[in-house]
Amino acid sequence: AIAGITGLGWGTGKLFTRLRSLEDRIDRFPIEYVLKQDYIREMEKMNREFDNINDKLDKLMERVLTR
C-alpha cells in the first residue's frame, strides 16, 4: 500500500512537471512562431524602407559629386 501511494505521488509529480513545462512552451509560442505571411509582409516592408534609404543616399551622393 505504501509503495502504491508513493508511486502514485511520484507519477502525479512527474505529470504536473510535464504539464508545467508544456504550459511554459505554449506561453512562449506566440513569441517564437511567426506566420509565413506575416514574415513575408514584414520583409517586403523592410525592403521598401531600404530602397528608400538607398534612393536618398543616391540623391545625396549626386548632390555632393556635382558640387
C-alpha atoms as a PDB file:
ATOM      1  CA  ALA A   1       0.000   0.000   0.000  1.00  0.00           C
ATOM      2  CA  ILE A   2       2.799   2.410   0.904  1.00  0.00           C
ATOM      3  CA  ALA A   3       4.625   1.605  -2.330  1.00  0.00           C
ATOM      4  CA  GLY A   4       1.420   2.241  -4.287  1.00  0.00           C
ATOM      5  CA  ILE A   5       0.835   5.599  -2.646  1.00  0.00           C
ATOM      6  CA  THR A   6       4.495   6.558  -3.155  1.00  0.00           C
ATOM      7  CA  GLY A   7       4.345   5.501  -6.809  1.00  0.00           C
ATOM      8  CA  LEU A   8       1.106   7.406  -7.321  1.00  0.00           C
ATOM      9  CA  GLY A   9       2.623  10.522  -5.747  1.00  0.00           C
ATOM     10  CA  TRP A  10       5.744  10.206  -7.894  1.00  0.00           C
ATOM     11  CA  GLY A  11       3.668   9.727 -11.066  1.00  0.00           C
ATOM     12  CA  THR A  12       1.448  12.680 -10.220  1.00  0.00           C
ATOM     13  CA  GLY A  13       4.516  14.845  -9.584  1.00  0.00           C
ATOM     14  CA  LYS A  14       6.006  13.860 -12.949  1.00  0.00           C
ATOM     15  CA  LEU A  15       2.696  14.582 -14.685  1.00  0.00           C
ATOM     16  CA  PHE A  16       2.432  18.056 -13.150  1.00  0.00           C
ATOM     17  CA  THR A  17       6.063  18.790 -14.028  1.00  0.00           C
ATOM     18  CA  ARG A  18       5.402  17.849 -17.640  1.00  0.00           C
ATOM     19  CA  LEU A  19       2.231  19.941 -17.731  1.00  0.00           C
ATOM     20  CA  ARG A  20       4.110  22.929 -16.308  1.00  0.00           C
ATOM     21  CA  SER A  21       6.796  22.501 -18.956  1.00  0.00           C
ATOM     22  CA  LEU A  22       4.173  22.283 -21.697  1.00  0.00           C
ATOM     23  CA  GLU A  23       2.421  25.377 -20.376  1.00  0.00           C
ATOM     24  CA  ASP A  24       5.704  27.325 -20.438  1.00  0.00           C
ATOM     25  CA  ARG A  25       6.305  26.275 -24.044  1.00  0.00           C
ATOM     26  CA  ILE A  26       2.773  27.317 -25.011  1.00  0.00           C
ATOM     27  CA  ASP A  27       3.279  30.700 -23.334  1.00  0.00           C
ATOM     28  CA  ARG A  28       6.435  31.274 -25.426  1.00  0.00           C
ATOM     29  CA  PHE A  29       4.765  30.086 -28.644  1.00  0.00           C
ATOM     30  CA  PRO A  30       3.484  33.464 -29.890  1.00  0.00           C
ATOM     31  CA  ILE A  31       6.941  34.965 -29.356  1.00  0.00           C
ATOM     32  CA  GLU A  32       8.825  32.203 -31.163  1.00  0.00           C
ATOM     33  CA  TYR A  33       6.464  31.488 -34.052  1.00  0.00           C
ATOM     34  CA  VAL A  34       5.630  33.843 -36.896  1.00  0.00           C
ATOM     35  CA  LEU A  35       3.194  33.127 -39.689  1.00  0.00           C
ATOM     36  CA  LYS A  36       4.807  32.899 -43.093  1.00  0.00           C
ATOM     37  CA  GLN A  37       2.509  35.623 -44.457  1.00  0.00           C
ATOM     38  CA  ASP A  38       3.456  37.986 -41.621  1.00  0.00           C
ATOM     39  CA  TYR A  39       7.144  37.269 -42.159  1.00  0.00           C
ATOM     40  CA  ILE A  40       6.884  37.940 -45.901  1.00  0.00           C
ATOM     41  CA  ARG A  41       4.925  41.149 -45.325  1.00  0.00           C
ATOM     42  CA  GLU A  42       7.499  42.445 -42.825  1.00  0.00           C
ATOM     43  CA  MET A  43      10.404  41.525 -45.101  1.00  0.00           C
ATOM     44  CA  GLU A  44       8.769  43.377 -48.000  1.00  0.00           C
ATOM     45  CA  LYS A  45       8.253  46.402 -45.761  1.00  0.00           C
ATOM     46  CA  MET A  46      11.914  46.334 -44.732  1.00  0.00           C
ATOM     47  CA  ASN A  47      12.978  46.043 -48.372  1.00  0.00           C
ATOM     48  CA  ARG A  48      10.871  49.098 -49.283  1.00  0.00           C
ATOM     49  CA  GLU A  49      12.441  51.056 -46.439  1.00  0.00           C
ATOM     50  CA  PHE A  50      15.941  50.021 -47.528  1.00  0.00           C
ATOM     51  CA  ASP A  51      15.117  51.033 -51.084  1.00  0.00           C
ATOM     52  CA  ASN A  52      14.004  54.452 -49.832  1.00  0.00           C
ATOM     53  CA  ILE A  53      17.220  54.819 -47.838  1.00  0.00           C
ATOM     54  CA  ASN A  54      19.281  53.825 -50.877  1.00  0.00           C
ATOM     55  CA  ASP A  55      17.421  56.330 -53.047  1.00  0.00           C
ATOM     56  CA  LYS A  56      18.054  59.099 -50.535  1.00  0.00           C
ATOM     57  CA  LEU A  57      21.723  58.191 -50.314  1.00  0.00           C
ATOM     58  CA  ASP A  58      22.000  58.169 -54.094  1.00  0.00           C
ATOM     59  CA  LYS A  59      20.462  61.651 -54.288  1.00  0.00           C
ATOM     60  CA  LEU A  60      22.779  62.881 -51.568  1.00  0.00           C
ATOM     61  CA  MET A  61      25.831  61.476 -53.379  1.00  0.00           C
ATOM     62  CA  GLU A  62      24.700  63.103 -56.625  1.00  0.00           C
ATOM     63  CA  ARG A  63      24.481  66.464 -54.869  1.00  0.00           C
ATOM     64  CA  VAL A  64      27.893  66.042 -53.288  1.00  0.00           C
ATOM     65  CA  LEU A  65      29.535  64.935 -56.540  1.00  0.00           C
ATOM     66  CA  THR A  66      28.001  67.723 -58.634  1.00  0.00           C
ATOM     67  CA  ARG A  67      29.454  70.454 -56.384  1.00  0.00           C
END
